[in-house]
Amino acid sequence: MLVSPVAEARYRYTCPDCLDLIIKPTTDRAVSMLRTAGARLVLVPAEVVEHDPAARALNDNDLAAFTQALQDSDNLADLAASADH
């Protein structure tokens, strides 16, 4: 169960048929019932569950470039600083 600081609670589970991760909004009552049943409560910032429909999904080339940058970098702080530009 995921709860953001703005009280927009969601719960998640893995679909037993397709094995996809399903995330759905929920109510305070459902949160209470899930907690009573033993669901673990996790507080996360709202940004974690935000989705920008205009954002491009990562692809294999992006992951390969990231992996190469990690291998080529002597200092992760330098790599992080270069990402800010």
N, C-alpha and C. Protein backbone atom coordinates (compact mmCIF):
# COMPACT_ATOMS: atom_id res chain seq x y z
N MET A 1 0.85 -1.16 0.00
CA MET A 1 0.00 0.00 0.00
C MET A 1 0.90 1.23 0.00
N LEU A 2 0.64 2.19 -0.86
CA LEU A 2 1.44 3.41 -0.97
C LEU A 2 0.59 4.59 -0.52
N VAL A 3 1.16 5.45 0.29
CA VAL A 3 0.44 6.64 0.74
C VAL A 3 1.35 7.84 0.57
N SER A 4 0.89 8.84 -0.16
CA SER A 4 1.68 10.05 -0.34
C SER A 4 1.32 11.04 0.75
N PRO A 5 2.18 12.04 0.97
CA PRO A 5 1.90 13.03 2.02
C PRO A 5 0.61 13.81 1.79
N VAL A 6 0.10 13.85 0.59
CA VAL A 6 -1.12 14.59 0.33
C VAL A 6 -2.35 13.70 0.47
N ALA A 7 -2.18 12.57 1.12
CA ALA A 7 -3.29 11.65 1.45
C ALA A 7 -3.97 11.08 0.21
N GLU A 8 -3.23 10.90 -0.86
CA GLU A 8 -3.77 10.24 -2.04
C GLU A 8 -3.28 8.79 -2.00
N ALA A 9 -3.99 7.97 -1.27
CA ALA A 9 -3.54 6.60 -1.04
C ALA A 9 -3.80 5.71 -2.25
N ARG A 10 -2.88 4.78 -2.44
CA ARG A 10 -3.01 3.78 -3.50
C ARG A 10 -2.59 2.44 -2.94
N TYR A 11 -3.08 1.38 -3.55
CA TYR A 11 -2.58 0.06 -3.18
C TYR A 11 -2.06 -0.60 -4.43
N ARG A 12 -1.17 -1.57 -4.23
CA ARG A 12 -0.59 -2.25 -5.38
C ARG A 12 -0.53 -3.74 -5.11
N TYR A 13 -0.57 -4.48 -6.19
CA TYR A 13 -0.46 -5.92 -6.09
C TYR A 13 -0.02 -6.46 -7.44
N THR A 14 0.45 -7.68 -7.46
CA THR A 14 0.83 -8.33 -8.70
C THR A 14 -0.34 -9.18 -9.17
N CYS A 15 -0.77 -8.96 -10.40
CA CYS A 15 -1.86 -9.74 -10.97
C CYS A 15 -1.43 -11.21 -11.09
N PRO A 16 -2.20 -12.13 -10.52
CA PRO A 16 -1.80 -13.53 -10.58
C PRO A 16 -1.88 -14.13 -11.99
N ASP A 17 -2.65 -13.50 -12.89
CA ASP A 17 -2.78 -14.03 -14.25
C ASP A 17 -1.67 -13.56 -15.18
N CYS A 18 -1.43 -12.23 -15.21
CA CYS A 18 -0.45 -11.68 -16.17
C CYS A 18 0.86 -11.26 -15.50
N LEU A 19 0.90 -11.26 -14.18
CA LEU A 19 2.07 -10.88 -13.39
C LEU A 19 2.44 -9.40 -13.52
N ASP A 20 1.52 -8.57 -14.05
CA ASP A 20 1.74 -7.12 -14.10
C ASP A 20 1.56 -6.53 -12.71
N LEU A 21 2.29 -5.46 -12.43
CA LEU A 21 2.11 -4.72 -11.18
C LEU A 21 0.92 -3.79 -11.38
N ILE A 22 -0.10 -3.93 -10.55
CA ILE A 22 -1.31 -3.12 -10.63
C ILE A 22 -1.29 -2.12 -9.48
N ILE A 23 -1.51 -0.84 -9.79
CA ILE A 23 -1.57 0.21 -8.78
C ILE A 23 -2.90 0.92 -8.96
N LYS A 24 -3.69 0.98 -7.85
CA LYS A 24 -5.01 1.59 -7.91
C LYS A 24 -5.20 2.56 -6.75
N PRO A 25 -5.98 3.63 -6.99
CA PRO A 25 -6.29 4.54 -5.89
C PRO A 25 -7.21 3.84 -4.89
N THR A 26 -7.19 4.31 -3.65
CA THR A 26 -8.02 3.69 -2.63
C THR A 26 -8.59 4.75 -1.69
N THR A 27 -9.48 4.33 -0.82
CA THR A 27 -10.13 5.22 0.13
C THR A 27 -9.55 5.00 1.53
N ASP A 28 -9.85 5.93 2.44
CA ASP A 28 -9.40 5.77 3.83
C ASP A 28 -9.93 4.46 4.43
N ARG A 29 -11.17 4.12 4.11
CA ARG A 29 -11.77 2.89 4.64
C ARG A 29 -11.01 1.67 4.14
N ALA A 30 -10.68 1.66 2.85
CA ALA A 30 -9.94 0.52 2.29
C ALA A 30 -8.54 0.44 2.89
N VAL A 31 -7.90 1.60 3.13
CA VAL A 31 -6.58 1.62 3.77
C VAL A 31 -6.68 0.97 5.14
N SER A 32 -7.69 1.34 5.89
CA SER A 32 -7.89 0.77 7.22
C SER A 32 -8.09 -0.74 7.15
N MET A 33 -8.89 -1.20 6.21
CA MET A 33 -9.14 -2.64 6.05
C MET A 33 -7.87 -3.38 5.63
N LEU A 34 -7.12 -2.81 4.71
CA LEU A 34 -5.87 -3.43 4.27
C LEU A 34 -4.87 -3.52 5.41
N ARG A 35 -4.77 -2.46 6.21
CA ARG A 35 -3.84 -2.49 7.36
C ARG A 35 -4.28 -3.53 8.38
N THR A 36 -5.58 -3.63 8.62
CA THR A 36 -6.10 -4.63 9.55
C THR A 36 -5.76 -6.04 9.06
N ALA A 37 -5.77 -6.21 7.74
CA ALA A 37 -5.47 -7.53 7.16
C ALA A 37 -3.97 -7.81 7.10
N GLY A 38 -3.14 -6.83 7.53
CA GLY A 38 -1.70 -7.06 7.58
C GLY A 38 -0.91 -6.42 6.46
N ALA A 39 -1.55 -5.60 5.63
CA ALA A 39 -0.82 -4.93 4.56
C ALA A 39 0.19 -3.97 5.17
N ARG A 40 1.35 -3.89 4.55
CA ARG A 40 2.41 -2.99 5.02
C ARG A 40 2.15 -1.59 4.47
N LEU A 41 2.22 -0.60 5.32
CA LEU A 41 2.02 0.79 4.94
C LEU A 41 3.37 1.41 4.62
N VAL A 42 3.48 2.03 3.45
CA VAL A 42 4.72 2.68 3.03
C VAL A 42 4.39 4.12 2.66
N LEU A 43 5.04 5.07 3.32
CA LEU A 43 4.83 6.48 3.00
C LEU A 43 5.87 6.89 1.96
N VAL A 44 5.39 7.44 0.86
CA VAL A 44 6.29 7.86 -0.22
C VAL A 44 5.91 9.26 -0.68
N PRO A 45 6.88 10.02 -1.19
CA PRO A 45 6.56 11.34 -1.74
C PRO A 45 5.65 11.19 -2.96
N ALA A 46 4.81 12.16 -3.19
CA ALA A 46 3.89 12.11 -4.32
C ALA A 46 4.62 11.96 -5.65
N GLU A 47 5.85 12.51 -5.75
CA GLU A 47 6.60 12.45 -7.00
C GLU A 47 6.91 11.01 -7.43
N VAL A 48 6.96 10.11 -6.48
CA VAL A 48 7.28 8.72 -6.79
C VAL A 48 6.22 8.10 -7.70
N VAL A 49 4.98 8.49 -7.51
CA VAL A 49 3.90 7.88 -8.28
C VAL A 49 3.37 8.77 -9.40
N GLU A 50 4.00 9.94 -9.58
CA GLU A 50 3.59 10.81 -10.68
C GLU A 50 3.98 10.20 -12.01
N HIS A 51 3.18 10.49 -13.02
CA HIS A 51 3.48 10.01 -14.36
C HIS A 51 3.26 11.15 -15.34
N ASP A 52 4.26 11.43 -16.15
CA ASP A 52 4.16 12.46 -17.17
C ASP A 52 3.88 11.78 -18.50
N PRO A 53 2.65 11.88 -19.01
CA PRO A 53 2.31 11.19 -20.26
C PRO A 53 3.14 11.64 -21.45
N ALA A 54 3.74 12.83 -21.36
CA ALA A 54 4.56 13.33 -22.48
C ALA A 54 6.00 12.82 -22.39
N ALA A 55 6.36 12.23 -21.27
CA ALA A 55 7.73 11.77 -21.10
C ALA A 55 8.00 10.53 -21.94
N ARG A 56 9.20 10.49 -22.51
CA ARG A 56 9.60 9.35 -23.32
C ARG A 56 10.10 8.24 -22.41
N ALA A 57 9.69 7.03 -22.68
CA ALA A 57 10.14 5.89 -21.89
C ALA A 57 11.61 5.60 -22.20
N LEU A 58 12.31 5.07 -21.20
CA LEU A 58 13.70 4.66 -21.43
C LEU A 58 13.73 3.49 -22.41
N ASN A 59 14.77 3.44 -23.21
CA ASN A 59 14.91 2.30 -24.12
C ASN A 59 16.28 1.65 -23.90
N ASP A 60 16.57 0.61 -24.65
CA ASP A 60 17.83 -0.12 -24.49
C ASP A 60 19.05 0.78 -24.70
N ASN A 61 18.97 1.71 -25.65
CA ASN A 61 20.10 2.62 -25.90
C ASN A 61 20.36 3.53 -24.69
N ASP A 62 19.27 4.00 -24.06
CA ASP A 62 19.42 4.83 -22.86
C ASP A 62 20.13 4.05 -21.75
N LEU A 63 19.71 2.82 -21.55
CA LEU A 63 20.31 1.99 -20.50
C LEU A 63 21.76 1.67 -20.80
N ALA A 64 22.07 1.39 -22.07
CA ALA A 64 23.45 1.11 -22.45
C ALA A 64 24.33 2.34 -22.24
N ALA A 65 23.83 3.52 -22.60
CA ALA A 65 24.59 4.76 -22.41
C ALA A 65 24.82 5.04 -20.92
N PHE A 66 23.81 4.79 -20.11
CA PHE A 66 23.94 4.98 -18.66
C PHE A 66 24.97 4.02 -18.08
N THR A 67 24.89 2.77 -18.48
CA THR A 67 25.85 1.77 -18.01
C THR A 67 27.27 2.16 -18.39
N GLN A 68 27.46 2.61 -19.62
CA GLN A 68 28.78 3.01 -20.10
C GLN A 68 29.28 4.21 -19.31
N ALA A 69 28.40 5.17 -19.05
CA ALA A 69 28.79 6.35 -18.29
C ALA A 69 29.23 5.97 -16.88
N LEU A 70 28.53 5.02 -16.27
CA LEU A 70 28.93 4.56 -14.93
C LEU A 70 30.30 3.89 -14.97
N GLN A 71 30.55 3.10 -16.00
CA GLN A 71 31.83 2.39 -16.11
C GLN A 71 32.97 3.34 -16.42
N ASP A 72 32.71 4.40 -17.20
CA ASP A 72 33.74 5.35 -17.60
C ASP A 72 34.04 6.39 -16.52
N SER A 73 33.12 6.58 -15.61
CA SER A 73 33.28 7.64 -14.62
C SER A 73 34.12 7.17 -13.45
N ASP A 74 35.12 7.97 -13.09
CA ASP A 74 35.92 7.69 -11.91
C ASP A 74 35.23 8.19 -10.65
N ASN A 75 34.30 9.10 -10.83
CA ASN A 75 33.66 9.72 -9.69
C ASN A 75 32.17 9.92 -9.99
N LEU A 76 31.31 9.25 -9.25
CA LEU A 76 29.88 9.38 -9.49
C LEU A 76 29.38 10.79 -9.24
N ALA A 77 30.03 11.52 -8.35
CA ALA A 77 29.63 12.91 -8.10
C ALA A 77 29.84 13.74 -9.37
N ASP A 78 30.94 13.51 -10.10
CA ASP A 78 31.17 14.22 -11.37
C ASP A 78 30.09 13.88 -12.37
N LEU A 79 29.71 12.61 -12.40
CA LEU A 79 28.66 12.18 -13.33
C LEU A 79 27.33 12.85 -12.98
N ALA A 80 27.02 12.91 -11.71
CA ALA A 80 25.77 13.53 -11.27
C ALA A 80 25.78 15.02 -11.58
N ALA A 81 26.90 15.67 -11.38
CA ALA A 81 27.00 17.10 -11.67
C ALA A 81 26.83 17.37 -13.16
N SER A 82 27.35 16.50 -14.00
CA SER A 82 27.22 16.69 -15.44
C SER A 82 25.79 16.50 -15.89
N ALA A 83 25.00 15.76 -15.16
CA ALA A 83 23.59 15.54 -15.52
C ALA A 83 22.75 16.79 -15.26
N ASP A 84 23.23 17.68 -14.40
CA ASP A 84 22.50 18.90 -14.09
C ASP A 84 22.59 19.93 -15.20
N HIS A 85 23.48 19.75 -16.15
CA HIS A 85 23.69 20.76 -17.21
C HIS A 85 22.94 20.42 -18.46
